[in-house]
Protein backbone atom coordinates (compact mmCIF):
# COMPACT_ATOMS: atom_id res chain seq x y z
CA UNK A 1 5.76 15.31 -7.06
CA UNK A 2 5.14 12.72 -4.35
CA UNK A 3 5.64 9.03 -5.18
CA UNK A 4 3.45 6.28 -3.80
CA UNK A 5 5.80 3.61 -2.36
CA UNK A 6 3.09 1.68 -0.49
CA UNK A 7 3.45 -1.28 -2.85
CA UNK A 8 7.02 -2.07 -1.80
CA UNK A 9 6.52 -3.45 1.72
CA UNK A 10 3.85 -6.04 0.75
CA UNK A 11 6.06 -7.13 -2.16
CA UNK A 12 9.05 -7.57 0.17
CA UNK A 13 6.88 -9.60 2.56
CA UNK A 14 5.55 -11.83 -0.23
CA UNK A 15 9.07 -12.35 -1.59
CA UNK A 16 10.37 -13.23 1.88
CA UNK A 17 7.59 -15.77 2.45
CA UNK A 18 8.10 -17.35 -0.97
CA UNK A 19 11.86 -17.51 -0.37
CA UNK A 20 11.31 -19.10 3.04
CA UNK A 21 8.98 -21.73 1.61
CA UNK A 22 11.24 -22.55 -1.34
CA UNK A 23 14.31 -22.68 0.91
CA UNK A 24 12.56 -24.98 3.37
CA UNK A 25 11.33 -27.30 0.60
CA UNK A 26 14.81 -27.42 -0.96
CA UNK A 27 16.40 -28.31 2.40
CA UNK A 28 13.73 -30.94 3.04
CA UNK A 29 14.19 -32.54 -0.38
CA UNK A 30 17.99 -32.46 0.07
CA UNK A 31 17.79 -34.22 3.44
CA UNK A 32 15.42 -36.82 2.00
CA UNK A 33 17.84 -37.50 -0.87
CA UNK A 34 20.78 -37.81 1.56
CA UNK A 35 18.85 -40.28 3.72
CA UNK A 36 17.79 -42.38 0.72
CA UNK A 37 21.14 -42.38 -1.11
CA UNK A 38 23.77 -42.07 1.61
CA UNK A 39 22.15 -43.71 4.61
CA UNK A 40 21.90 -40.42 6.46
CA UNK A 41 25.62 -39.64 6.25
CA UNK A 42 26.08 -36.13 4.92
CA UNK A 43 28.15 -36.25 1.71
CA UNK A 44 30.94 -33.80 0.93
CA UNK A 45 29.69 -31.03 -1.37
CA UNK A 46 32.25 -30.37 -4.08
CA UNK A 47 33.25 -26.84 -5.01
CA UNK A 48 32.07 -27.40 -8.57
CA UNK A 49 28.57 -28.32 -7.40
CA UNK A 50 28.36 -25.31 -5.06
CA UNK A 51 29.48 -23.06 -7.92
CA UNK A 52 26.77 -24.48 -10.22
CA UNK A 53 24.16 -23.92 -7.53
CA UNK A 54 25.31 -20.33 -7.05
CA UNK A 55 25.10 -19.65 -10.78
CA UNK A 56 21.60 -21.11 -10.88
CA UNK A 57 20.57 -18.82 -8.00
CA UNK A 58 21.98 -15.78 -9.83
CA UNK A 59 20.11 -16.81 -12.99
CA UNK A 60 16.86 -17.08 -11.02
CA UNK A 61 17.38 -13.62 -9.50
CA UNK A 62 18.10 -12.24 -12.97
CA UNK A 63 14.82 -13.69 -14.28
CA UNK A 64 12.88 -12.11 -11.42
CA UNK A 65 14.59 -8.77 -12.11
CA UNK A 66 13.70 -9.06 -15.79
CA UNK A 67 10.03 -9.37 -14.81
CA UNK A 68 10.25 -5.91 -13.25
CA UNK A 69 11.80 -4.47 -16.41
CA UNK A 70 9.28 -6.10 -18.76
CA UNK A 71 7.50 -3.51 -20.86
CA UNK A 72 9.77 -0.68 -19.73
CA UNK A 73 10.83 1.76 -22.44
CA UNK A 74 14.27 1.08 -23.92
CA UNK A 75 17.01 3.59 -23.06
């Protein structure tokens, strides 16, 4: 039986574009906040804050993965 995998490449492209846009907007908003609150001097990012950000990113990826499993039969 031959599988149709033609849907994967457009999905990768859409995901990459969305990630690029979200990443750019996040960097832009971060630089704006630094300029407004720290006079343009880059503040030290604490380990705790980086860890929280990493956990939030993992949670977001998990939610996206759960979308793909939605409606799948339970094993």
